[in-house]
Amino acid sequence: MTTKKILLNGQWVNGEDSIVEIRSPYNDELIAKVSHASKQQMEEALEIASNSFKRVKELPTHLISNALLTIRNYIKDNSERFTKTLA
């Protein structure tokens, strides 16, 4: 089983901290292994998010609205997949 990576600045990378096993609460079956971000990776992610927010808030409202509608439609169109993932 491969270890799931973290998304950092648009790239999938290995977390530099521990690896955690995710198990089913129903039968204790191993579902996934997930790498945790290190403190440095967390700080980098927060800095990236902060800088991104500063850029996004300067965008015209109609562009933000269009982006949110696109996200909403994606979630709506894939709601069954999301439900199965969360179940």
PDB file of N, CA and C in Angstrom:
ATOM      1  N   MET A   1       0.844  -1.166   0.000  1.00  0.00           N
ATOM      2  CA  MET A   1       0.000   0.000   0.000  1.00  0.00           C
ATOM      3  C   MET A   1       0.896   1.238   0.000  1.00  0.00           C
ATOM      4  N   THR A   2       0.573   2.176  -0.884  1.00  0.00           N
ATOM      5  CA  THR A   2       1.361   3.399  -0.942  1.00  0.00           C
ATOM      6  C   THR A   2       0.904   4.379   0.139  1.00  0.00           C
ATOM      7  N   THR A   3       1.813   5.207   0.552  1.00  0.00           N
ATOM      8  CA  THR A   3       1.506   6.228   1.551  1.00  0.00           C
ATOM      9  C   THR A   3       0.988   7.470   0.836  1.00  0.00           C
ATOM     10  N   LYS A   4      -0.146   7.983   1.303  1.00  0.00           N
ATOM     11  CA  LYS A   4      -0.750   9.174   0.703  1.00  0.00           C
ATOM     12  C   LYS A   4       0.117  10.388   1.004  1.00  0.00           C
ATOM     13  N   LYS A   5       0.241  11.239   0.008  1.00  0.00           N
ATOM     14  CA  LYS A   5       1.066  12.434   0.141  1.00  0.00           C
ATOM     15  C   LYS A   5       0.202  13.625   0.562  1.00  0.00           C
ATOM     16  N   ILE A   6       0.865  14.740   0.828  1.00  0.00           N
ATOM     17  CA  ILE A   6       0.159  15.971   1.160  1.00  0.00           C
ATOM     18  C   ILE A   6       0.278  16.935  -0.017  1.00  0.00           C
ATOM     19  N   LEU A   7      -0.718  17.797  -0.171  1.00  0.00           N
ATOM     20  CA  LEU A   7      -0.704  18.799  -1.236  1.00  0.00           C
ATOM     21  C   LEU A   7      -0.115  20.080  -0.662  1.00  0.00           C
ATOM     22  N   LEU A   8       1.011  20.497  -1.198  1.00  0.00           N
ATOM     23  CA  LEU A   8       1.708  21.679  -0.705  1.00  0.00           C
ATOM     24  C   LEU A   8       2.094  22.545  -1.893  1.00  0.00           C
ATOM     25  N   ASN A   9       1.501  23.711  -1.960  1.00  0.00           N
ATOM     26  CA  ASN A   9       1.779  24.664  -3.037  1.00  0.00           C
ATOM     27  C   ASN A   9       1.537  24.053  -4.421  1.00  0.00           C
ATOM     28  N   GLY A  10       0.451  23.290  -4.528  1.00  0.00           N
ATOM     29  CA  GLY A  10       0.073  22.699  -5.804  1.00  0.00           C
ATOM     30  C   GLY A  10       0.827  21.434  -6.180  1.00  0.00           C
ATOM     31  N   GLN A  11       1.673  20.938  -5.296  1.00  0.00           N
ATOM     32  CA  GLN A  11       2.458  19.736  -5.572  1.00  0.00           C
ATOM     33  C   GLN A  11       2.167  18.671  -4.518  1.00  0.00           C
ATOM     34  N   TRP A  12       2.057  17.422  -4.946  1.00  0.00           N
ATOM     35  CA  TRP A  12       1.908  16.311  -4.001  1.00  0.00           C
ATOM     36  C   TRP A  12       3.295  15.915  -3.526  1.00  0.00           C
ATOM     37  N   VAL A  13       3.528  16.046  -2.224  1.00  0.00           N
ATOM     38  CA  VAL A  13       4.837  15.736  -1.643  1.00  0.00           C
ATOM     39  C   VAL A  13       4.653  14.841  -0.420  1.00  0.00           C
ATOM     40  N   ASN A  14       5.720  14.157  -0.042  1.00  0.00           N
ATOM     41  CA  ASN A  14       5.691  13.357   1.181  1.00  0.00           C
ATOM     42  C   ASN A  14       5.740  14.274   2.392  1.00  0.00           C
ATOM     43  N   GLY A  15       4.905  13.971   3.368  1.00  0.00           N
ATOM     44  CA  GLY A  15       5.009  14.678   4.635  1.00  0.00           C
ATOM     45  C   GLY A  15       6.312  14.283   5.301  1.00  0.00           C
ATOM     46  N   GLU A  16       6.922  15.221   5.981  1.00  0.00           N
ATOM     47  CA  GLU A  16       8.232  14.958   6.583  1.00  0.00           C
ATOM     48  C   GLU A  16       8.129  14.511   8.036  1.00  0.00           C
ATOM     49  N   ASP A  17       6.909  14.328   8.531  1.00  0.00           N
ATOM     50  CA  ASP A  17       6.722  13.881   9.909  1.00  0.00           C
ATOM     51  C   ASP A  17       6.349  12.399   9.885  1.00  0.00           C
ATOM     52  N   SER A  18       5.575  11.953  10.821  1.00  0.00           N
ATOM     53  CA  SER A  18       5.238  10.534  10.957  1.00  0.00           C
ATOM     54  C   SER A  18       4.249  10.063   9.889  1.00  0.00           C
ATOM     55  N   ILE A  19       4.109   8.748   9.803  1.00  0.00           N
ATOM     56  CA  ILE A  19       3.114   8.129   8.927  1.00  0.00           C
ATOM     57  C   ILE A  19       2.061   7.496   9.826  1.00  0.00           C
ATOM     58  N   VAL A  20       0.800   7.769   9.509  1.00  0.00           N
ATOM     59  CA  VAL A  20      -0.313   7.276  10.321  1.00  0.00           C
ATOM     60  C   VAL A  20      -1.119   6.280   9.500  1.00  0.00           C
ATOM     61  N   GLU A  21      -1.492   5.182  10.120  1.00  0.00           N
ATOM     62  CA  GLU A  21      -2.361   4.204   9.470  1.00  0.00           C
ATOM     63  C   GLU A  21      -3.814   4.582   9.746  1.00  0.00           C
ATOM     64  N   ILE A  22      -4.615   4.607   8.692  1.00  0.00           N
ATOM     65  CA  ILE A  22      -6.045   4.882   8.815  1.00  0.00           C
ATOM     66  C   ILE A  22      -6.765   3.548   8.699  1.00  0.00           C
ATOM     67  N   ARG A  23      -7.552   3.217   9.713  1.00  0.00           N
ATOM     68  CA  ARG A  23      -8.244   1.930   9.756  1.00  0.00           C
ATOM     69  C   ARG A  23      -9.745   2.123   9.803  1.00  0.00           C
ATOM     70  N   SER A  24     -10.450   1.171   9.226  1.00  0.00           N
ATOM     71  CA  SER A  24     -11.909   1.185   9.242  1.00  0.00           C
ATOM     72  C   SER A  24     -12.413   1.021  10.672  1.00  0.00           C
ATOM     73  N   PRO A  25     -13.382   1.848  11.085  1.00  0.00           N
ATOM     74  CA  PRO A  25     -13.936   1.679  12.429  1.00  0.00           C
ATOM     75  C   PRO A  25     -14.829   0.443  12.534  1.00  0.00           C
ATOM     76  N   TYR A  26     -15.176  -0.150  11.401  1.00  0.00           N
ATOM     77  CA  TYR A  26     -16.083  -1.293  11.390  1.00  0.00           C
ATOM     78  C   TYR A  26     -15.366  -2.624  11.546  1.00  0.00           C
ATOM     79  N   ASN A  27     -14.219  -2.772  10.841  1.00  0.00           N
ATOM     80  CA  ASN A  27     -13.541  -4.071  10.888  1.00  0.00           C
ATOM     81  C   ASN A  27     -12.025  -3.957  11.095  1.00  0.00           C
ATOM     82  N   ASP A  28     -11.557  -2.759  11.392  1.00  0.00           N
ATOM     83  CA  ASP A  28     -10.141  -2.498  11.652  1.00  0.00           C
ATOM     84  C   ASP A  28      -9.250  -2.751  10.432  1.00  0.00           C
ATOM     85  N   GLU A  29      -9.858  -2.842   9.257  1.00  0.00           N
ATOM     86  CA  GLU A  29      -9.091  -3.037   8.023  1.00  0.00           C
ATOM     87  C   GLU A  29      -8.273  -1.781   7.723  1.00  0.00           C
ATOM     88  N   LEU A  30      -7.034  -1.978   7.294  1.00  0.00           N
ATOM     89  CA  LEU A  30      -6.179  -0.862   6.914  1.00  0.00           C
ATOM     90  C   LEU A  30      -6.711  -0.248   5.625  1.00  0.00           C
ATOM     91  N   ILE A  31      -7.049   1.024   5.676  1.00  0.00           N
ATOM     92  CA  ILE A  31      -7.611   1.720   4.521  1.00  0.00           C
ATOM     93  C   ILE A  31      -6.533   2.501   3.782  1.00  0.00           C
ATOM     94  N   ALA A  32      -5.682   3.176   4.543  1.00  0.00           N
ATOM     95  CA  ALA A  32      -4.653   4.012   3.924  1.00  0.00           C
ATOM     96  C   ALA A  32      -3.547   4.300   4.926  1.00  0.00           C
ATOM     97  N   LYS A  33      -2.422   4.705   4.374  1.00  0.00           N
ATOM     98  CA  LYS A  33      -1.330   5.248   5.180  1.00  0.00           C
ATOM     99  C   LYS A  33      -1.155   6.696   4.725  1.00  0.00           C
ATOM    100  N   VAL A  34      -1.071   7.589   5.688  1.00  0.00           N
ATOM    101  CA  VAL A  34      -1.017   9.015   5.390  1.00  0.00           C
ATOM    102  C   VAL A  34       0.219   9.617   6.045  1.00  0.00           C
ATOM    103  N   SER A  35       0.984  10.363   5.263  1.00  0.00           N
ATOM    104  CA  SER A  35       2.147  11.043   5.841  1.00  0.00           C
ATOM    105  C   SER A  35       1.708  12.392   6.398  1.00  0.00           C
ATOM    106  N   HIS A  36       2.224  12.718   7.567  1.00  0.00           N
ATOM    107  CA  HIS A  36       1.903  13.988   8.211  1.00  0.00           C
ATOM    108  C   HIS A  36       2.938  15.039   7.841  1.00  0.00           C
ATOM    109  N   ALA A  37       2.450  16.262   7.708  1.00  0.00           N
ATOM    110  CA  ALA A  37       3.348  17.377   7.431  1.00  0.00           C
ATOM    111  C   ALA A  37       4.181  17.701   8.667  1.00  0.00           C
ATOM    112  N   SER A  38       5.400  18.129   8.423  1.00  0.00           N
ATOM    113  CA  SER A  38       6.257  18.596   9.516  1.00  0.00           C
ATOM    114  C   SER A  38       5.840  20.015   9.904  1.00  0.00           C
ATOM    115  N   LYS A  39       6.374  20.501  11.002  1.00  0.00           N
ATOM    116  CA  LYS A  39       6.087  21.872  11.433  1.00  0.00           C
ATOM    117  C   LYS A  39       6.491  22.859  10.342  1.00  0.00           C
ATOM    118  N   GLN A  40       7.639  22.639   9.721  1.00  0.00           N
ATOM    119  CA  GLN A  40       8.110  23.525   8.649  1.00  0.00           C
ATOM    120  C   GLN A  40       7.144  23.500   7.460  1.00  0.00           C
ATOM    121  N   GLN A  41       6.655  22.317   7.084  1.00  0.00           N
ATOM    122  CA  GLN A  41       5.700  22.217   5.984  1.00  0.00           C
ATOM    123  C   GLN A  41       4.385  22.915   6.336  1.00  0.00           C
ATOM    124  N   MET A  42       3.943  22.796   7.585  1.00  0.00           N
ATOM    125  CA  MET A  42       2.720  23.475   8.020  1.00  0.00           C
ATOM    126  C   MET A  42       2.892  24.991   7.936  1.00  0.00           C
ATOM    127  N   GLU A  43       4.034  25.483   8.389  1.00  0.00           N
ATOM    128  CA  GLU A  43       4.293  26.923   8.327  1.00  0.00           C
ATOM    129  C   GLU A  43       4.339  27.406   6.880  1.00  0.00           C
ATOM    130  N   GLU A  44       4.932  26.605   6.003  1.00  0.00           N
ATOM    131  CA  GLU A  44       4.980  26.952   4.580  1.00  0.00           C
ATOM    132  C   GLU A  44       3.568  27.001   4.001  1.00  0.00           C
ATOM    133  N   ALA A  45       2.740  26.021   4.342  1.00  0.00           N
ATOM    134  CA  ALA A  45       1.364  25.987   3.843  1.00  0.00           C
ATOM    135  C   ALA A  45       0.572  27.206   4.317  1.00  0.00           C
ATOM    136  N   LEU A  46       0.751  27.588   5.576  1.00  0.00           N
ATOM    137  CA  LEU A  46       0.056  28.767   6.104  1.00  0.00           C
ATOM    138  C   LEU A  46       0.507  30.043   5.404  1.00  0.00           C
ATOM    139  N   GLU A  47       1.788  30.151   5.130  1.00  0.00           N
ATOM    140  CA  GLU A  47       2.310  31.321   4.422  1.00  0.00           C
ATOM    141  C   GLU A  47       1.749  31.387   2.999  1.00  0.00           C
ATOM    142  N   ILE A  48       1.709  30.254   2.331  1.00  0.00           N
ATOM    143  CA  ILE A  48       1.164  30.198   0.971  1.00  0.00           C
ATOM    144  C   ILE A  48      -0.310  30.583   0.984  1.00  0.00           C
ATOM    145  N   ALA A  49      -1.068  30.051   1.939  1.00  0.00           N
ATOM    146  CA  ALA A  49      -2.498  30.365   2.035  1.00  0.00           C
ATOM    147  C   ALA A  49      -2.715  31.849   2.309  1.00  0.00           C
ATOM    148  N   SER A  50      -1.917  32.409   3.179  1.00  0.00           N
ATOM    149  CA  SER A  50      -2.037  33.832   3.503  1.00  0.00           C
ATOM    150  C   SER A  50      -1.760  34.694   2.276  1.00  0.00           C
ATOM    151  N   ASN A  51      -0.708  34.372   1.544  1.00  0.00           N
ATOM    152  CA  ASN A  51      -0.381  35.120   0.328  1.00  0.00           C
ATOM    153  C   ASN A  51      -1.457  34.955  -0.735  1.00  0.00           C
ATOM    154  N   SER A  52      -2.000  33.755  -0.855  1.00  0.00           N
ATOM    155  CA  SER A  52      -3.062  33.506  -1.836  1.00  0.00           C
ATOM    156  C   SER A  52      -4.303  34.309  -1.497  1.00  0.00           C
ATOM    157  N   PHE A  53      -4.653  34.362  -0.218  1.00  0.00           N
ATOM    158  CA  PHE A  53      -5.829  35.125   0.200  1.00  0.00           C
ATOM    159  C   PHE A  53      -5.671  36.600  -0.174  1.00  0.00           C
ATOM    160  N   LYS A  54      -4.488  37.139   0.029  1.00  0.00           N
ATOM    161  CA  LYS A  54      -4.245  38.546  -0.320  1.00  0.00           C
ATOM    162  C   LYS A  54      -4.474  38.783  -1.810  1.00  0.00           C
ATOM    163  N   ARG A  55      -4.066  37.821  -2.640  1.00  0.00           N
ATOM    164  CA  ARG A  55      -4.257  37.969  -4.089  1.00  0.00           C
ATOM    165  C   ARG A  55      -5.717  37.796  -4.477  1.00  0.00           C
ATOM    166  N   VAL A  56      -6.389  36.814  -3.869  1.00  0.00           N
ATOM    167  CA  VAL A  56      -7.781  36.528  -4.234  1.00  0.00           C
ATOM    168  C   VAL A  56      -8.697  37.684  -3.860  1.00  0.00           C
ATOM    169  N   LYS A  57      -8.471  38.314  -2.730  1.00  0.00           N
ATOM    170  CA  LYS A  57      -9.379  39.382  -2.308  1.00  0.00           C
ATOM    171  C   LYS A  57      -9.283  40.610  -3.211  1.00  0.00           C
ATOM    172  N   GLU A  58      -8.261  40.668  -4.057  1.00  0.00           N
ATOM    173  CA  GLU A  58      -8.127  41.759  -5.025  1.00  0.00           C
ATOM    174  C   GLU A  58      -8.864  41.467  -6.335  1.00  0.00           C
ATOM    175  N   LEU A  59      -9.324  40.238  -6.512  1.00  0.00           N
ATOM    176  CA  LEU A  59     -10.020  39.868  -7.748  1.00  0.00           C
ATOM    177  C   LEU A  59     -11.400  40.510  -7.806  1.00  0.00           C
ATOM    178  N   PRO A  60     -11.895  40.764  -9.018  1.00  0.00           N
ATOM    179  CA  PRO A  60     -13.262  41.269  -9.153  1.00  0.00           C
ATOM    180  C   PRO A  60     -14.265  40.245  -8.609  1.00  0.00           C
ATOM    181  N   THR A  61     -15.341  40.745  -8.034  1.00  0.00           N
ATOM    182  CA  THR A  61     -16.346  39.894  -7.403  1.00  0.00           C
ATOM    183  C   THR A  61     -16.917  38.866  -8.370  1.00  0.00           C
ATOM    184  N   HIS A  62     -17.126  39.254  -9.627  1.00  0.00           N
ATOM    185  CA  HIS A  62     -17.729  38.309 -10.575  1.00  0.00           C
ATOM    186  C   HIS A  62     -16.815  37.107 -10.837  1.00  0.00           C
ATOM    187  N   LEU A  63     -15.503  37.300 -10.794  1.00  0.00           N
ATOM    188  CA  LEU A  63     -14.591  36.166 -10.987  1.00  0.00           C
ATOM    189  C   LEU A  63     -14.631  35.218  -9.789  1.00  0.00           C
ATOM    190  N   ILE A  64     -14.695  35.779  -8.595  1.00  0.00           N
ATOM    191  CA  ILE A  64     -14.801  34.952  -7.392  1.00  0.00           C
ATOM    192  C   ILE A  64     -16.115  34.182  -7.416  1.00  0.00           C
ATOM    193  N   SER A  65     -17.190  34.861  -7.804  1.00  0.00           N
ATOM    194  CA  SER A  65     -18.501  34.213  -7.890  1.00  0.00           C
ATOM    195  C   SER A  65     -18.481  33.063  -8.890  1.00  0.00           C
ATOM    196  N   ASN A  66     -17.884  33.288 -10.050  1.00  0.00           N
ATOM    197  CA  ASN A  66     -17.795  32.225 -11.065  1.00  0.00           C
ATOM    198  C   ASN A  66     -16.992  31.034 -10.558  1.00  0.00           C
ATOM    199  N   ALA A  67     -15.908  31.301  -9.853  1.00  0.00           N
ATOM    200  CA  ALA A  67     -15.094  30.211  -9.306  1.00  0.00           C
ATOM    201  C   ALA A  67     -15.888  29.411  -8.282  1.00  0.00           C
ATOM    202  N   LEU A  68     -16.622  30.096  -7.408  1.00  0.00           N
ATOM    203  CA  LEU A  68     -17.427  29.400  -6.398  1.00  0.00           C
ATOM    204  C   LEU A  68     -18.544  28.583  -7.040  1.00  0.00           C
ATOM    205  N   LEU A  69     -19.150  29.105  -8.105  1.00  0.00           N
ATOM    206  CA  LEU A  69     -20.182  28.342  -8.815  1.00  0.00           C
ATOM    207  C   LEU A  69     -19.592  27.093  -9.466  1.00  0.00           C
ATOM    208  N   THR A  70     -18.401  27.204 -10.006  1.00  0.00           N
ATOM    209  CA  THR A  70     -17.732  26.044 -10.597  1.00  0.00           C
ATOM    210  C   THR A  70     -17.474  24.979  -9.540  1.00  0.00           C
ATOM    211  N   ILE A  71     -17.007  25.401  -8.377  1.00  0.00           N
ATOM    212  CA  ILE A  71     -16.768  24.461  -7.275  1.00  0.00           C
ATOM    213  C   ILE A  71     -18.075  23.820  -6.836  1.00  0.00           C
ATOM    214  N   ARG A  72     -19.120  24.638  -6.678  1.00  0.00           N
ATOM    215  CA  ARG A  72     -20.428  24.109  -6.278  1.00  0.00           C
ATOM    216  C   ARG A  72     -20.914  23.060  -7.269  1.00  0.00           C
ATOM    217  N   ASN A  73     -20.804  23.353  -8.558  1.00  0.00           N
ATOM    218  CA  ASN A  73     -21.265  22.411  -9.581  1.00  0.00           C
ATOM    219  C   ASN A  73     -20.458  21.118  -9.552  1.00  0.00           C
ATOM    220  N   TYR A  74     -19.160  21.221  -9.318  1.00  0.00           N
ATOM    221  CA  TYR A  74     -18.326  20.022  -9.235  1.00  0.00           C
ATOM    222  C   TYR A  74     -18.767  19.156  -8.062  1.00  0.00           C
ATOM    223  N   ILE A  75     -18.989  19.781  -6.917  1.00  0.00           N
ATOM    224  CA  ILE A  75     -19.433  19.030  -5.739  1.00  0.00           C
ATOM    225  C   ILE A  75     -20.794  18.398  -6.005  1.00  0.00           C
ATOM    226  N   LYS A  76     -21.702  19.152  -6.597  1.00  0.00           N
ATOM    227  CA  LYS A  76     -23.042  18.637  -6.903  1.00  0.00           C
ATOM    228  C   LYS A  76     -22.956  17.454  -7.871  1.00  0.00           C
ATOM    229  N   ASP A  77     -22.158  17.590  -8.919  1.00  0.00           N
ATOM    230  CA  ASP A  77     -22.031  16.533  -9.925  1.00  0.00           C
ATOM    231  C   ASP A  77     -21.340  15.284  -9.383  1.00  0.00           C
ATOM    232  N   ASN A  78     -20.551  15.438  -8.333  1.00  0.00           N
ATOM    233  CA  ASN A  78     -19.798  14.317  -7.775  1.00  0.00           C
ATOM    234  C   ASN A  78     -20.241  13.955  -6.365  1.00  0.00           C
ATOM    235  N   SER A  79     -21.453  14.349  -6.002  1.00  0.00           N
ATOM    236  CA  SER A  79     -21.923  14.140  -4.625  1.00  0.00           C
ATOM    237  C   SER A  79     -21.946  12.664  -4.242  1.00  0.00           C
ATOM    238  N   GLU A  80     -22.274  11.800  -5.185  1.00  0.00           N
ATOM    239  CA  GLU A  80     -22.304  10.367  -4.873  1.00  0.00           C
ATOM    240  C   GLU A  80     -20.903   9.862  -4.525  1.00  0.00           C
ATOM    241  N   ARG A  81     -19.909  10.304  -5.277  1.00  0.00           N
ATOM    242  CA  ARG A  81     -18.523   9.908  -4.978  1.00  0.00           C
ATOM    243  C   ARG A  81     -18.090  10.428  -3.612  1.00  0.00           C
ATOM    244  N   PHE A  82     -18.455  11.670  -3.290  1.00  0.00           N
ATOM    245  CA  PHE A  82     -18.105  12.230  -1.981  1.00  0.00           C
ATOM    246  C   PHE A  82     -18.772  11.433  -0.868  1.00  0.00           C
ATOM    247  N   THR A  83     -20.030  11.064  -1.077  1.00  0.00           N
ATOM    248  CA  THR A  83     -20.761  10.306  -0.065  1.00  0.00           C
ATOM    249  C   THR A  83     -20.087   8.965   0.191  1.00  0.00           C
ATOM    250  N   LYS A  84     -19.686   8.284  -0.877  1.00  0.00           N
ATOM    251  CA  LYS A  84     -19.015   6.989  -0.717  1.00  0.00           C
ATOM    252  C   LYS A  84     -17.680   7.147  -0.004  1.00  0.00           C
ATOM    253  N   THR A  85     -16.982   8.231  -0.290  1.00  0.00           N
ATOM    254  CA  THR A  85     -15.693   8.469   0.355  1.00  0.00           C
ATOM    255  C   THR A  85     -15.864   8.707   1.845  1.00  0.00           C
ATOM    256  N   LEU A  86     -16.908   9.431   2.207  1.00  0.00           N
ATOM    257  CA  LEU A  86     -17.132   9.768   3.612  1.00  0.00           C
ATOM    258  C   LEU A  86     -17.771   8.638   4.400  1.00  0.00           C
ATOM    259  N   ALA A  87     -18.390   7.681   3.700  1.00  0.00           N
ATOM    260  CA  ALA A  87     -19.102   6.596   4.392  1.00  0.00           C
ATOM    261  C   ALA A  87     -18.137   5.609   5.021  1.00  0.00           C
TER     262      ALA A  87
END
